[in-house]
Amino acid sequence: MASHIERRKFLATLLGGAGAWPLAASAQQRERMRRIAVLSGLAADDQDNKVRLAAFQQRLQQLGWTDGHNVRIDYRFAAANAENYRKYAAELVALAPDVILAPGASLVPMLQATRTIPIVFAFITDPVGSGLVESLSRPGGNATGFLLFEYDLSAKWLELLKEIAPGVTRAAVLRDPAAMAGIGQFAVIQSAARSVGVEVSPLNLRDADETERAVTAFARSSNGGLIVTASLLAGVQRNLIVELAARHRLPAVYSSRLFVASGGLVSFGTDSTEQLRHAAGYVDRILKGEKPADLPVQAPVKYELVINLKTAKTLGLDMPTSLLARADEVIE
């Protein structure tokens, strides 16, 4: 009899606890440390890049993801080196992260390394034309993210150059010839050149020595100006490019505020720090179960005009009052 009673107690305990198993497993899953991988195209000691990545991490924390607590963030820095991109993309995929942040030129090597791990990108110009996503509204694969700008914006740089320096009749366009975006940006600028009365010519970005030789050769003739299109190489060489523009007294328009903060004249483009904050929002949604294929690629809703008045005075340029009134930021 005792044996029978004990067996009934055992079965009751077993059956009573069965409902708790899924709850315990669910709690354990919620508490699992998640993993985010980040492949940056810039160097680890790039100060502006540190600011952007700090903003990304801060936004994640606001959304409930704290590095070292419920998420681990693994960073790699390619420093615009092709071999580094391949090496670090493979390393990060081997860590089996839940999601990858791949800004700019990092996207292609990451997609070559994985077609299954979710990827959030930023600073991309034409992901559809480049074959990286199926469409902006339905990306369709394992990647989605945020456009740096649409190609039409490139014409605005030429218009700005003519507005701030009406005497310019020639413009050198610094672009990365290895990137589809570099070719596309120049094509738009070239198509707008006749209407503003400026002859444009491409200068290819490769290594620093070639950039210096090309800009120096262009500056030997008068009435010249400079347009620096958006590319990782331009970002890496930004201090050199700004210094060359100053040395040769070339009025220059840039695609990013980073150049103007480094002493450049004028920029018109997206807020790159804000882009990474938005990217953190998509990372959060993917960590909570959404799929990149279902998250639309988003275009910027705002562009910022930044003017460096100190540089304008050094070049002997009087900034139009109407342009200063439109500026989002004036550096004095």
C-alpha atoms as a PDB file:
ATOM      1  CA  MET A   1       0.000   0.000   0.000  1.00  0.00           C
ATOM      2  CA  ALA A   2       2.811   2.408   0.941  1.00  0.00           C
ATOM      3  CA  SER A   3       4.498   1.665  -2.354  1.00  0.00           C
ATOM      4  CA  HIS A   4       1.295   2.469  -4.265  1.00  0.00           C
ATOM      5  CA  ILE A   5       0.806   5.804  -2.423  1.00  0.00           C
ATOM      6  CA  GLU A   6       4.407   6.827  -3.053  1.00  0.00           C
ATOM      7  CA  ARG A   7       4.065   6.022  -6.747  1.00  0.00           C
ATOM      8  CA  ARG A   8       0.937   8.218  -6.975  1.00  0.00           C
ATOM      9  CA  LYS A   9       2.788  11.127  -5.262  1.00  0.00           C
ATOM     10  CA  PHE A  10       5.678  10.757  -7.695  1.00  0.00           C
ATOM     11  CA  LEU A  11       3.348  10.850 -10.726  1.00  0.00           C
ATOM     12  CA  ALA A  12       1.491  13.876  -9.345  1.00  0.00           C
ATOM     13  CA  THR A  13       4.756  15.718  -8.831  1.00  0.00           C
ATOM     14  CA  LEU A  14       5.941  14.758 -12.290  1.00  0.00           C
ATOM     15  CA  LEU A  15       2.744  15.873 -14.002  1.00  0.00           C
ATOM     16  CA  GLY A  16       2.430  19.027 -11.908  1.00  0.00           C
ATOM     17  CA  GLY A  17       5.922  20.148 -12.828  1.00  0.00           C
ATOM     18  CA  ALA A  18       5.543  19.438 -16.536  1.00  0.00           C
ATOM     19  CA  GLY A  19       3.800  22.749 -17.167  1.00  0.00           C
ATOM     20  CA  ALA A  20       6.719  24.603 -15.629  1.00  0.00           C
ATOM     21  CA  TRP A  21       9.293  23.199 -18.087  1.00  0.00           C
ATOM     22  CA  PRO A  22       8.257  25.398 -21.062  1.00  0.00           C
ATOM     23  CA  LEU A  23       8.194  28.455 -18.776  1.00  0.00           C
ATOM     24  CA  ALA A  24      11.684  27.718 -17.505  1.00  0.00           C
ATOM     25  CA  ALA A  25      12.953  27.134 -21.031  1.00  0.00           C
ATOM     26  CA  SER A  26      11.329  30.376 -22.209  1.00  0.00           C
ATOM     27  CA  ALA A  27      12.909  32.351 -19.378  1.00  0.00           C
ATOM     28  CA  GLN A  28      16.281  30.842 -20.173  1.00  0.00           C
ATOM     29  CA  GLN A  29      15.898  31.833 -23.838  1.00  0.00           C
ATOM     30  CA  ARG A  30      14.992  35.420 -22.903  1.00  0.00           C
ATOM     31  CA  GLU A  31      18.063  35.689 -20.711  1.00  0.00           C
ATOM     32  CA  ARG A  32      20.421  34.345 -23.394  1.00  0.00           C
ATOM     33  CA  MET A  33      23.269  36.692 -24.242  1.00  0.00           C
ATOM     34  CA  ARG A  34      22.674  37.972 -27.771  1.00  0.00           C
ATOM     35  CA  ARG A  35      25.511  38.849 -30.132  1.00  0.00           C
ATOM     36  CA  ILE A  36      25.980  41.770 -32.528  1.00  0.00           C
ATOM     37  CA  ALA A  37      28.906  41.959 -34.967  1.00  0.00           C
ATOM     38  CA  VAL A  38      30.135  45.265 -36.406  1.00  0.00           C
ATOM     39  CA  LEU A  39      32.483  45.549 -39.392  1.00  0.00           C
ATOM     40  CA  SER A  40      33.651  49.146 -39.776  1.00  0.00           C
ATOM     41  CA  GLY A  41      35.511  50.258 -42.873  1.00  0.00           C
ATOM     42  CA  LEU A  42      37.523  52.867 -40.990  1.00  0.00           C
ATOM     43  CA  ALA A  43      40.427  52.519 -38.573  1.00  0.00           C
ATOM     44  CA  ALA A  44      39.903  51.763 -34.891  1.00  0.00           C
ATOM     45  CA  ASP A  45      41.504  55.080 -33.881  1.00  0.00           C
ATOM     46  CA  ASP A  46      39.382  57.254 -36.216  1.00  0.00           C
ATOM     47  CA  GLN A  47      37.827  59.757 -33.797  1.00  0.00           C
ATOM     48  CA  ASP A  48      34.754  60.564 -35.901  1.00  0.00           C
ATOM     49  CA  ASN A  49      34.082  56.854 -36.325  1.00  0.00           C
ATOM     50  CA  LYS A  50      34.289  56.417 -32.556  1.00  0.00           C
ATOM     51  CA  VAL A  51      31.599  59.077 -32.135  1.00  0.00           C
ATOM     52  CA  ARG A  52      29.277  57.349 -34.606  1.00  0.00           C
ATOM     53  CA  LEU A  53      29.745  53.903 -33.070  1.00  0.00           C
ATOM     54  CA  ALA A  54      29.225  55.331 -29.590  1.00  0.00           C
ATOM     55  CA  ALA A  55      25.911  56.784 -30.797  1.00  0.00           C
ATOM     56  CA  PHE A  56      24.949  53.373 -32.193  1.00  0.00           C
ATOM     57  CA  GLN A  57      25.734  51.684 -28.879  1.00  0.00           C
ATOM     58  CA  GLN A  58      23.960  54.411 -26.882  1.00  0.00           C
ATOM     59  CA  ARG A  59      20.791  53.997 -28.938  1.00  0.00           C
ATOM     60  CA  LEU A  60      20.921  50.232 -28.424  1.00  0.00           C
ATOM     61  CA  GLN A  61      21.118  50.808 -24.689  1.00  0.00           C
ATOM     62  CA  GLN A  62      18.070  53.084 -24.845  1.00  0.00           C
ATOM     63  CA  LEU A  63      16.257  50.216 -26.561  1.00  0.00           C
ATOM     64  CA  GLY A  64      17.219  47.810 -23.771  1.00  0.00           C
ATOM     65  CA  TRP A  65      20.435  46.252 -25.083  1.00  0.00           C
ATOM     66  CA  THR A  66      23.491  46.809 -22.889  1.00  0.00           C
ATOM     67  CA  ASP A  67      26.889  45.563 -24.033  1.00  0.00           C
ATOM     68  CA  GLY A  68      28.181  42.989 -21.553  1.00  0.00           C
ATOM     69  CA  HIS A  69      24.783  42.536 -19.900  1.00  0.00           C
ATOM     70  CA  ASN A  70      22.292  41.059 -22.359  1.00  0.00           C
ATOM     71  CA  VAL A  71      24.221  41.581 -25.577  1.00  0.00           C
ATOM     72  CA  ARG A  72      27.829  41.295 -26.689  1.00  0.00           C
ATOM     73  CA  ILE A  73      29.117  43.573 -29.443  1.00  0.00           C
ATOM     74  CA  ASP A  74      32.148  42.405 -31.439  1.00  0.00           C
ATOM     75  CA  TYR A  75      33.943  45.076 -33.484  1.00  0.00           C
ATOM     76  CA  ARG A  76      36.376  44.755 -36.374  1.00  0.00           C
ATOM     77  CA  PHE A  77      38.017  47.679 -38.235  1.00  0.00           C
ATOM     78  CA  ALA A  78      39.077  47.152 -41.852  1.00  0.00           C
ATOM     79  CA  ALA A  79      40.795  50.551 -42.339  1.00  0.00           C
ATOM     80  CA  ALA A  80      39.748  50.515 -46.030  1.00  0.00           C
ATOM     81  CA  ASN A  81      41.929  47.483 -46.710  1.00  0.00           C
ATOM     82  CA  ALA A  82      40.448  44.838 -49.040  1.00  0.00           C
ATOM     83  CA  GLU A  83      42.228  41.959 -47.330  1.00  0.00           C
ATOM     84  CA  ASN A  84      41.034  43.147 -43.917  1.00  0.00           C
ATOM     85  CA  TYR A  85      37.443  43.193 -45.175  1.00  0.00           C
ATOM     86  CA  ARG A  86      37.619  39.551 -46.260  1.00  0.00           C
ATOM     87  CA  LYS A  87      39.463  38.425 -43.135  1.00  0.00           C
ATOM     88  CA  TYR A  88      37.250  40.214 -40.630  1.00  0.00           C
ATOM     89  CA  ALA A  89      34.004  39.327 -42.410  1.00  0.00           C
ATOM     90  CA  ALA A  90      34.939  35.643 -42.090  1.00  0.00           C
ATOM     91  CA  GLU A  91      35.933  36.109 -38.436  1.00  0.00           C
ATOM     92  CA  LEU A  92      32.645  37.772 -37.539  1.00  0.00           C
ATOM     93  CA  VAL A  93      30.528  35.173 -39.336  1.00  0.00           C
ATOM     94  CA  ALA A  94      32.407  32.435 -37.450  1.00  0.00           C
ATOM     95  CA  LEU A  95      31.205  34.017 -34.189  1.00  0.00           C
ATOM     96  CA  ALA A  96      27.604  33.220 -35.264  1.00  0.00           C
ATOM     97  CA  PRO A  97      26.143  36.619 -34.303  1.00  0.00           C
ATOM     98  CA  ASP A  98      22.404  37.249 -34.204  1.00  0.00           C
ATOM     99  CA  VAL A  99      22.785  40.313 -36.425  1.00  0.00           C
ATOM    100  CA  ILE A 100      25.590  42.208 -38.188  1.00  0.00           C
ATOM    101  CA  LEU A 101      26.011  45.969 -38.664  1.00  0.00           C
ATOM    102  CA  ALA A 102      27.793  46.622 -41.986  1.00  0.00           C
ATOM    103  CA  PRO A 103      28.141  50.327 -42.790  1.00  0.00           C
ATOM    104  CA  GLY A 104      29.267  51.473 -46.227  1.00  0.00           C
ATOM    105  CA  ALA A 105      31.824  49.351 -48.058  1.00  0.00           C
ATOM    106  CA  SER A 106      31.545  46.646 -45.383  1.00  0.00           C
ATOM    107  CA  LEU A 107      28.259  45.437 -46.829  1.00  0.00           C
ATOM    108  CA  VAL A 108      29.588  43.619 -49.911  1.00  0.00           C
ATOM    109  CA  PRO A 109      32.228  41.508 -48.081  1.00  0.00           C
ATOM    110  CA  MET A 110      29.686  40.682 -45.383  1.00  0.00           C
ATOM    111  CA  LEU A 111      27.173  39.488 -47.986  1.00  0.00           C
ATOM    112  CA  GLN A 112      29.916  37.436 -49.606  1.00  0.00           C
ATOM    113  CA  ALA A 113      30.592  35.845 -46.219  1.00  0.00           C
ATOM    114  CA  THR A 114      26.963  35.067 -45.294  1.00  0.00           C
ATOM    115  CA  ARG A 115      23.545  34.959 -46.931  1.00  0.00           C
ATOM    116  CA  THR A 116      21.778  33.777 -43.795  1.00  0.00           C
ATOM    117  CA  ILE A 117      22.816  35.955 -40.832  1.00  0.00           C
ATOM    118  CA  PRO A 118      20.735  39.176 -40.733  1.00  0.00           C
ATOM    119  CA  ILE A 119      22.644  42.302 -41.808  1.00  0.00           C
ATOM    120  CA  VAL A 120      21.767  45.958 -41.212  1.00  0.00           C
ATOM    121  CA  PHE A 121      23.605  48.436 -43.427  1.00  0.00           C
ATOM    122  CA  ALA A 122      24.061  52.215 -43.522  1.00  0.00           C
ATOM    123  CA  PHE A 123      25.769  54.714 -45.866  1.00  0.00           C
ATOM    124  CA  ILE A 124      24.755  52.790 -49.019  1.00  0.00           C
ATOM    125  CA  THR A 125      23.863  54.745 -52.172  1.00  0.00           C
ATOM    126  CA  ASP A 126      22.241  52.294 -54.619  1.00  0.00           C
ATOM    127  CA  PRO A 127      21.618  48.847 -53.115  1.00  0.00           C
ATOM    128  CA  VAL A 128      19.053  47.892 -55.773  1.00  0.00           C
ATOM    129  CA  GLY A 129      21.224  48.905 -58.734  1.00  0.00           C
ATOM    130  CA  SER A 130      24.175  47.134 -57.104  1.00  0.00           C
ATOM    131  CA  GLY A 131      22.128  43.932 -56.722  1.00  0.00           C
ATOM    132  CA  LEU A 132      22.428  43.941 -52.932  1.00  0.00           C
ATOM    133  CA  VAL A 133      18.665  43.959 -52.306  1.00  0.00           C
ATOM    134  CA  GLU A 134      15.684  43.097 -54.504  1.00  0.00           C
ATOM    135  CA  SER A 135      13.813  46.345 -53.878  1.00  0.00           C
ATOM    136  CA  LEU A 136      13.707  49.163 -51.345  1.00  0.00           C
ATOM    137  CA  SER A 137      10.239  48.223 -50.069  1.00  0.00           C
ATOM    138  CA  ARG A 138      10.933  44.468 -49.917  1.00  0.00           C
ATOM    139  CA  PRO A 139      14.697  43.795 -49.669  1.00  0.00           C
ATOM    140  CA  GLY A 140      14.046  40.064 -49.952  1.00  0.00           C
ATOM    141  CA  GLY A 141      17.334  38.689 -48.608  1.00  0.00           C
ATOM    142  CA  ASN A 142      19.255  38.853 -45.348  1.00  0.00           C
ATOM    143  CA  ALA A 143      20.156  42.566 -45.581  1.00  0.00           C
ATOM    144  CA  THR A 144      18.316  45.852 -45.121  1.00  0.00           C
ATOM    145  CA  GLY A 145      19.180  49.302 -43.872  1.00  0.00           C
ATOM    146  CA  PHE A 146      19.535  52.962 -44.738  1.00  0.00           C
ATOM    147  CA  LEU A 147      20.455  54.886 -47.880  1.00  0.00           C
ATOM    148  CA  LEU A 148      23.192  57.496 -47.636  1.00  0.00           C
ATOM    149  CA  PHE A 149      21.334  59.581 -50.243  1.00  0.00           C
ATOM    150  CA  GLU A 150      19.753  59.234 -53.650  1.00  0.00           C
ATOM    151  CA  TYR A 151      21.875  59.963 -56.732  1.00  0.00           C
ATOM    152  CA  ASP A 152      19.987  63.154 -57.600  1.00  0.00           C
ATOM    153  CA  LEU A 153      21.596  64.821 -54.593  1.00  0.00           C
ATOM    154  CA  SER A 154      24.956  64.800 -56.407  1.00  0.00           C
ATOM    155  CA  ALA A 155      23.825  67.608 -58.733  1.00  0.00           C
ATOM    156  CA  LYS A 156      23.247  69.791 -55.682  1.00  0.00           C
ATOM    157  CA  TRP A 157      26.970  69.724 -54.888  1.00  0.00           C
ATOM    158  CA  LEU A 158      27.783  71.293 -58.249  1.00  0.00           C
ATOM    159  CA  GLU A 159      25.063  73.917 -57.808  1.00  0.00           C
ATOM    160  CA  LEU A 160      26.455  74.778 -54.371  1.00  0.00           C
ATOM    161  CA  LEU A 161      29.973  75.106 -55.730  1.00  0.00           C
ATOM    162  CA  LYS A 162      28.793  77.600 -58.356  1.00  0.00           C
ATOM    163  CA  GLU A 163      26.728  79.490 -55.768  1.00  0.00           C
ATOM    164  CA  ILE A 164      29.626  79.979 -53.346  1.00  0.00           C
ATOM    165  CA  ALA A 165      32.270  80.588 -56.055  1.00  0.00           C
ATOM    166  CA  PRO A 166      30.589  82.046 -59.186  1.00  0.00           C
ATOM    167  CA  GLY A 167      33.962  82.368 -60.933  1.00  0.00           C
ATOM    168  CA  VAL A 168      34.487  78.587 -61.032  1.00  0.00           C
ATOM    169  CA  THR A 169      34.385  77.243 -64.593  1.00  0.00           C
ATOM    170  CA  ARG A 170      36.142  73.892 -63.970  1.00  0.00           C
ATOM    171  CA  ALA A 171      35.422  71.302 -61.298  1.00  0.00           C
ATOM    172  CA  ALA A 172      37.379  68.193 -60.400  1.00  0.00           C
ATOM    173  CA  VAL A 173      35.179  65.415 -59.042  1.00  0.00           C
ATOM    174  CA  LEU A 174      36.987  63.106 -56.632  1.00  0.00           C
ATOM    175  CA  ARG A 175      35.376  59.685 -56.816  1.00  0.00           C
ATOM    176  CA  ASP A 176      36.144  56.016 -56.144  1.00  0.00           C
ATOM    177  CA  PRO A 177      36.233  54.393 -59.615  1.00  0.00           C
ATOM    178  CA  ALA A 178      36.001  50.903 -58.142  1.00  0.00           C
ATOM    179  CA  ALA A 179      32.571  51.596 -56.625  1.00  0.00           C
ATOM    180  CA  MET A 180      29.333  51.748 -58.586  1.00  0.00           C
ATOM    181  CA  ALA A 181      28.295  54.672 -56.385  1.00  0.00           C
ATOM    182  CA  GLY A 182      31.368  56.624 -57.465  1.00  0.00           C
ATOM    183  CA  ILE A 183      30.475  56.154 -61.124  1.00  0.00           C
ATOM    184  CA  GLY A 184      26.821  57.026 -60.501  1.00  0.00           C
ATOM    185  CA  GLN A 185      27.560  60.195 -58.570  1.00  0.00           C
ATOM    186  CA  PHE A 186      29.882  61.492 -61.283  1.00  0.00           C
ATOM    187  CA  ALA A 187      27.305  60.723 -63.978  1.00  0.00           C
ATOM    188  CA  VAL A 188      24.694  62.888 -62.231  1.00  0.00           C
ATOM    189  CA  ILE A 189      27.179  65.734 -61.705  1.00  0.00           C
ATOM    190  CA  GLN A 190      28.234  65.533 -65.346  1.00  0.00           C
ATOM    191  CA  SER A 191      24.624  65.696 -66.539  1.00  0.00           C
ATOM    192  CA  ALA A 192      24.090  68.923 -64.548  1.00  0.00           C
ATOM    193  CA  ALA A 193      27.363  70.570 -65.597  1.00  0.00           C
ATOM    194  CA  ARG A 194      26.174  72.300 -68.770  1.00  0.00           C
ATOM    195  CA  SER A 195      23.224  73.978 -67.063  1.00  0.00           C
ATOM    196  CA  VAL A 196      25.516  75.702 -64.518  1.00  0.00           C
ATOM    197  CA  GLY A 197      28.329  76.446 -66.957  1.00  0.00           C
ATOM    198  CA  VAL A 198      31.011  74.289 -65.367  1.00  0.00           C
ATOM    199  CA  GLU A 199      33.273  71.746 -67.065  1.00  0.00           C
ATOM    200  CA  VAL A 200      33.717  68.678 -64.865  1.00  0.00           C
ATOM    201  CA  SER A 201      36.379  65.994 -64.901  1.00  0.00           C
ATOM    202  CA  PRO A 202      36.778  62.904 -62.712  1.00  0.00           C
ATOM    203  CA  LEU A 203      39.780  62.422 -60.445  1.00  0.00           C
ATOM    204  CA  ASN A 204      40.122  58.831 -59.288  1.00  0.00           C
ATOM    205  CA  LEU A 205      40.751  58.076 -55.626  1.00  0.00           C
ATOM    206  CA  ARG A 206      43.209  55.295 -54.992  1.00  0.00           C
ATOM    207  CA  ASP A 207      46.182  55.855 -52.687  1.00  0.00           C
ATOM    208  CA  ALA A 208      47.135  59.118 -50.992  1.00  0.00           C
ATOM    209  CA  ASP A 209      50.074  59.834 -53.318  1.00  0.00           C
ATOM    210  CA  GLU A 210      47.873  59.530 -56.395  1.00  0.00           C
ATOM    211  CA  THR A 211      45.242  61.787 -54.853  1.00  0.00           C
ATOM    212  CA  GLU A 212      47.874  64.435 -54.161  1.00  0.00           C
ATOM    213  CA  ARG A 213      49.309  64.230 -57.686  1.00  0.00           C
ATOM    214  CA  ALA A 214      45.875  64.425 -59.321  1.00  0.00           C
ATOM    215  CA  VAL A 215      44.645  67.430 -57.313  1.00  0.00           C
ATOM    216  CA  THR A 216      47.967  69.246 -57.741  1.00  0.00           C
ATOM    217  CA  ALA A 217      47.874  68.753 -61.515  1.00  0.00           C
ATOM    218  CA  PHE A 218      44.266  69.964 -61.722  1.00  0.00           C
ATOM    219  CA  ALA A 219      45.052  73.076 -59.667  1.00  0.00           C
ATOM    220  CA  ARG A 220      47.695  74.298 -62.147  1.00  0.00           C
ATOM    221  CA  SER A 221      44.935  75.859 -64.241  1.00  0.00           C
ATOM    222  CA  SER A 222      42.775  78.716 -62.950  1.00  0.00           C
ATOM    223  CA  ASN A 223      39.087  79.011 -62.032  1.00  0.00           C
ATOM    224  CA  GLY A 224      38.943  75.512 -60.557  1.00  0.00           C
ATOM    225  CA  GLY A 225      36.836  74.000 -57.800  1.00  0.00           C
ATOM    226  CA  LEU A 226      36.535  70.618 -56.153  1.00  0.00           C
ATOM    227  CA  ILE A 227      33.651  68.225 -55.451  1.00  0.00           C
ATOM    228  CA  VAL A 228      34.325  65.263 -53.166  1.00  0.00           C
ATOM    229  CA  THR A 229      31.771  62.505 -53.659  1.00  0.00           C
ATOM    230  CA  ALA A 230      30.783  60.045 -50.962  1.00  0.00           C
ATOM    231  CA  SER A 231      33.103  57.073 -50.570  1.00  0.00           C
ATOM    232  CA  LEU A 232      35.004  55.249 -47.873  1.00  0.00           C
ATOM    233  CA  LEU A 233      38.322  56.188 -49.500  1.00  0.00           C
ATOM    234  CA  ALA A 234      37.421  59.863 -49.372  1.00  0.00           C
ATOM    235  CA  GLY A 235      36.603  59.461 -45.688  1.00  0.00           C
ATOM    236  CA  VAL A 236      39.929  57.788 -44.994  1.00  0.00           C
ATOM    237  CA  GLN A 237      41.811  60.513 -46.909  1.00  0.00           C
ATOM    238  CA  ARG A 238      39.678  63.421 -45.696  1.00  0.00           C
ATOM    239  CA  ASN A 239      42.454  65.279 -43.853  1.00  0.00           C
ATOM    240  CA  LEU A 240      44.698  65.085 -46.924  1.00  0.00           C
ATOM    241  CA  ILE A 241      41.894  66.205 -49.267  1.00  0.00           C
ATOM    242  CA  VAL A 242      40.979  69.180 -47.063  1.00  0.00           C
ATOM    243  CA  GLU A 243      44.665  70.153 -46.814  1.00  0.00           C
ATOM    244  CA  LEU A 244      45.085  69.944 -50.616  1.00  0.00           C
ATOM    245  CA  ALA A 245      42.025  72.143 -51.182  1.00  0.00           C
ATOM    246  CA  ALA A 246      43.478  74.731 -48.788  1.00  0.00           C
ATOM    247  CA  ARG A 247      46.991  74.542 -50.255  1.00  0.00           C
ATOM    248  CA  HIS A 248      45.761  75.108 -53.798  1.00  0.00           C
ATOM    249  CA  ARG A 249      42.999  77.543 -52.755  1.00  0.00           C
ATOM    250  CA  LEU A 250      40.280  75.417 -54.300  1.00  0.00           C
ATOM    251  CA  PRO A 251      36.694  76.064 -53.159  1.00  0.00           C
ATOM    252  CA  ALA A 252      35.343  72.612 -52.358  1.00  0.00           C
ATOM    253  CA  VAL A 253      31.995  70.977 -51.659  1.00  0.00           C
ATOM    254  CA  TYR A 254      31.883  67.733 -49.701  1.00  0.00           C
ATOM    255  CA  SER A 255      29.291  65.017 -49.120  1.00  0.00           C
ATOM    256  CA  SER A 256      29.725  64.901 -45.342  1.00  0.00           C
ATOM    257  CA  ARG A 257      30.029  67.240 -42.373  1.00  0.00           C
ATOM    258  CA  LEU A 258      33.164  65.331 -41.301  1.00  0.00           C
ATOM    259  CA  PHE A 259      35.168  67.186 -43.970  1.00  0.00           C
ATOM    260  CA  VAL A 260      33.924  70.615 -42.884  1.00  0.00           C
ATOM    261  CA  ALA A 261      34.679  69.826 -39.248  1.00  0.00           C
ATOM    262  CA  SER A 262      38.227  69.049 -40.431  1.00  0.00           C
ATOM    263  CA  GLY A 263      38.539  72.444 -42.144  1.00  0.00           C
ATOM    264  CA  GLY A 264      36.648  71.916 -45.406  1.00  0.00           C
ATOM    265  CA  LEU A 265      34.489  74.660 -46.876  1.00  0.00           C
ATOM    266  CA  VAL A 266      30.931  73.368 -47.383  1.00  0.00           C
ATOM    267  CA  SER A 267      29.108  70.056 -47.108  1.00  0.00           C
ATOM    268  CA  PHE A 268      25.637  68.885 -47.979  1.00  0.00           C
ATOM    269  CA  GLY A 269      24.547  65.398 -47.035  1.00  0.00           C
ATOM    270  CA  THR A 270      23.075  63.146 -44.401  1.00  0.00           C
ATOM    271  CA  ASP A 271      23.942  63.082 -40.713  1.00  0.00           C
ATOM    272  CA  SER A 272      26.065  59.923 -40.540  1.00  0.00           C
ATOM    273  CA  THR A 273      25.778  59.678 -36.756  1.00  0.00           C
ATOM    274  CA  GLU A 274      22.002  59.787 -37.005  1.00  0.00           C
ATOM    275  CA  GLN A 275      22.127  57.000 -39.615  1.00  0.00           C
ATOM    276  CA  LEU A 276      23.770  54.664 -37.120  1.00  0.00           C
ATOM    277  CA  ARG A 277      21.166  55.554 -34.499  1.00  0.00           C
ATOM    278  CA  HIS A 278      18.488  54.506 -36.993  1.00  0.00           C
ATOM    279  CA  ALA A 279      20.480  51.349 -37.745  1.00  0.00           C
ATOM    280  CA  ALA A 280      20.380  50.499 -34.042  1.00  0.00           C
ATOM    281  CA  GLY A 281      16.581  50.584 -34.290  1.00  0.00           C
ATOM    282  CA  TYR A 282      16.633  47.950 -37.030  1.00  0.00           C
ATOM    283  CA  VAL A 283      19.121  45.835 -35.055  1.00  0.00           C
ATOM    284  CA  ASP A 284      16.706  45.972 -32.115  1.00  0.00           C
ATOM    285  CA  ARG A 285      13.773  44.869 -34.272  1.00  0.00           C
ATOM    286  CA  ILE A 286      15.752  41.952 -35.696  1.00  0.00           C
ATOM    287  CA  LEU A 287      16.866  40.842 -32.239  1.00  0.00           C
ATOM    288  CA  LYS A 288      13.181  40.830 -31.294  1.00  0.00           C
ATOM    289  CA  GLY A 289      12.282  38.521 -34.178  1.00  0.00           C
ATOM    290  CA  GLU A 290      11.692  40.573 -37.328  1.00  0.00           C
ATOM    291  CA  LYS A 291      13.336  39.591 -40.626  1.00  0.00           C
ATOM    292  CA  PRO A 292      15.520  41.867 -42.791  1.00  0.00           C
ATOM    293  CA  ALA A 293      13.550  40.799 -45.867  1.00  0.00           C
ATOM    294  CA  ASP A 294      10.445  42.435 -44.376  1.00  0.00           C
ATOM    295  CA  LEU A 295      12.065  45.706 -43.234  1.00  0.00           C
ATOM    296  CA  PRO A 296      12.113  48.336 -46.010  1.00  0.00           C
ATOM    297  CA  VAL A 297      15.324  50.121 -46.954  1.00  0.00           C
ATOM    298  CA  GLN A 298      14.831  53.706 -45.816  1.00  0.00           C
ATOM    299  CA  ALA A 299      15.950  56.904 -47.556  1.00  0.00           C
ATOM    300  CA  PRO A 300      17.043  59.964 -45.555  1.00  0.00           C
ATOM    301  CA  VAL A 301      14.300  62.385 -44.620  1.00  0.00           C
ATOM    302  CA  LYS A 302      16.679  65.287 -43.958  1.00  0.00           C
ATOM    303  CA  TYR A 303      19.936  66.616 -45.376  1.00  0.00           C
ATOM    304  CA  GLU A 304      22.217  69.057 -43.562  1.00  0.00           C
ATOM    305  CA  LEU A 305      24.087  72.030 -44.992  1.00  0.00           C
ATOM    306  CA  VAL A 306      27.254  72.882 -43.068  1.00  0.00           C
ATOM    307  CA  ILE A 307      29.477  75.901 -43.784  1.00  0.00           C
ATOM    308  CA  ASN A 308      32.937  76.707 -42.433  1.00  0.00           C
ATOM    309  CA  LEU A 309      33.149  80.524 -42.408  1.00  0.00           C
ATOM    310  CA  LYS A 310      36.784  80.513 -41.287  1.00  0.00           C
ATOM    311  CA  THR A 311      37.746  78.548 -44.400  1.00  0.00           C
ATOM    312  CA  ALA A 312      35.615  80.829 -46.587  1.00  0.00           C
ATOM    313  CA  LYS A 313      37.485  83.883 -45.273  1.00  0.00           C
ATOM    314  CA  THR A 314      40.838  82.205 -45.882  1.00  0.00           C
ATOM    315  CA  LEU A 315      39.811  81.606 -49.506  1.00  0.00           C
ATOM    316  CA  GLY A 316      38.526  85.176 -49.839  1.00  0.00           C
ATOM    317  CA  LEU A 317      34.941  84.043 -50.428  1.00  0.00           C
ATOM    318  CA  ASP A 318      31.887  85.985 -49.284  1.00  0.00           C
ATOM    319  CA  MET A 319      29.179  83.487 -48.476  1.00  0.00           C
ATOM    320  CA  PRO A 320      25.779  84.541 -49.860  1.00  0.00           C
ATOM    321  CA  THR A 321      23.389  85.647 -47.123  1.00  0.00           C
ATOM    322  CA  SER A 322      20.707  83.368 -48.560  1.00  0.00           C
ATOM    323  CA  LEU A 323      23.041  80.370 -48.248  1.00  0.00           C
ATOM    324  CA  LEU A 324      23.962  81.189 -44.649  1.00  0.00           C
ATOM    325  CA  ALA A 325      20.259  81.472 -43.824  1.00  0.00           C
ATOM    326  CA  ARG A 326      19.683  77.945 -45.167  1.00  0.00           C
ATOM    327  CA  ALA A 327      22.633  76.419 -43.271  1.00  0.00           C
ATOM    328  CA  ASP A 328      21.976  73.908 -40.499  1.00  0.00           C
ATOM    329  CA  GLU A 329      25.361  74.691 -38.976  1.00  0.00           C
ATOM    330  CA  VAL A 330      27.907  77.476 -39.438  1.00  0.00           C
ATOM    331  CA  ILE A 331      31.412  76.866 -38.111  1.00  0.00           C
ATOM    332  CA  GLU A 332      33.241  80.118 -37.248  1.00  0.00           C
END
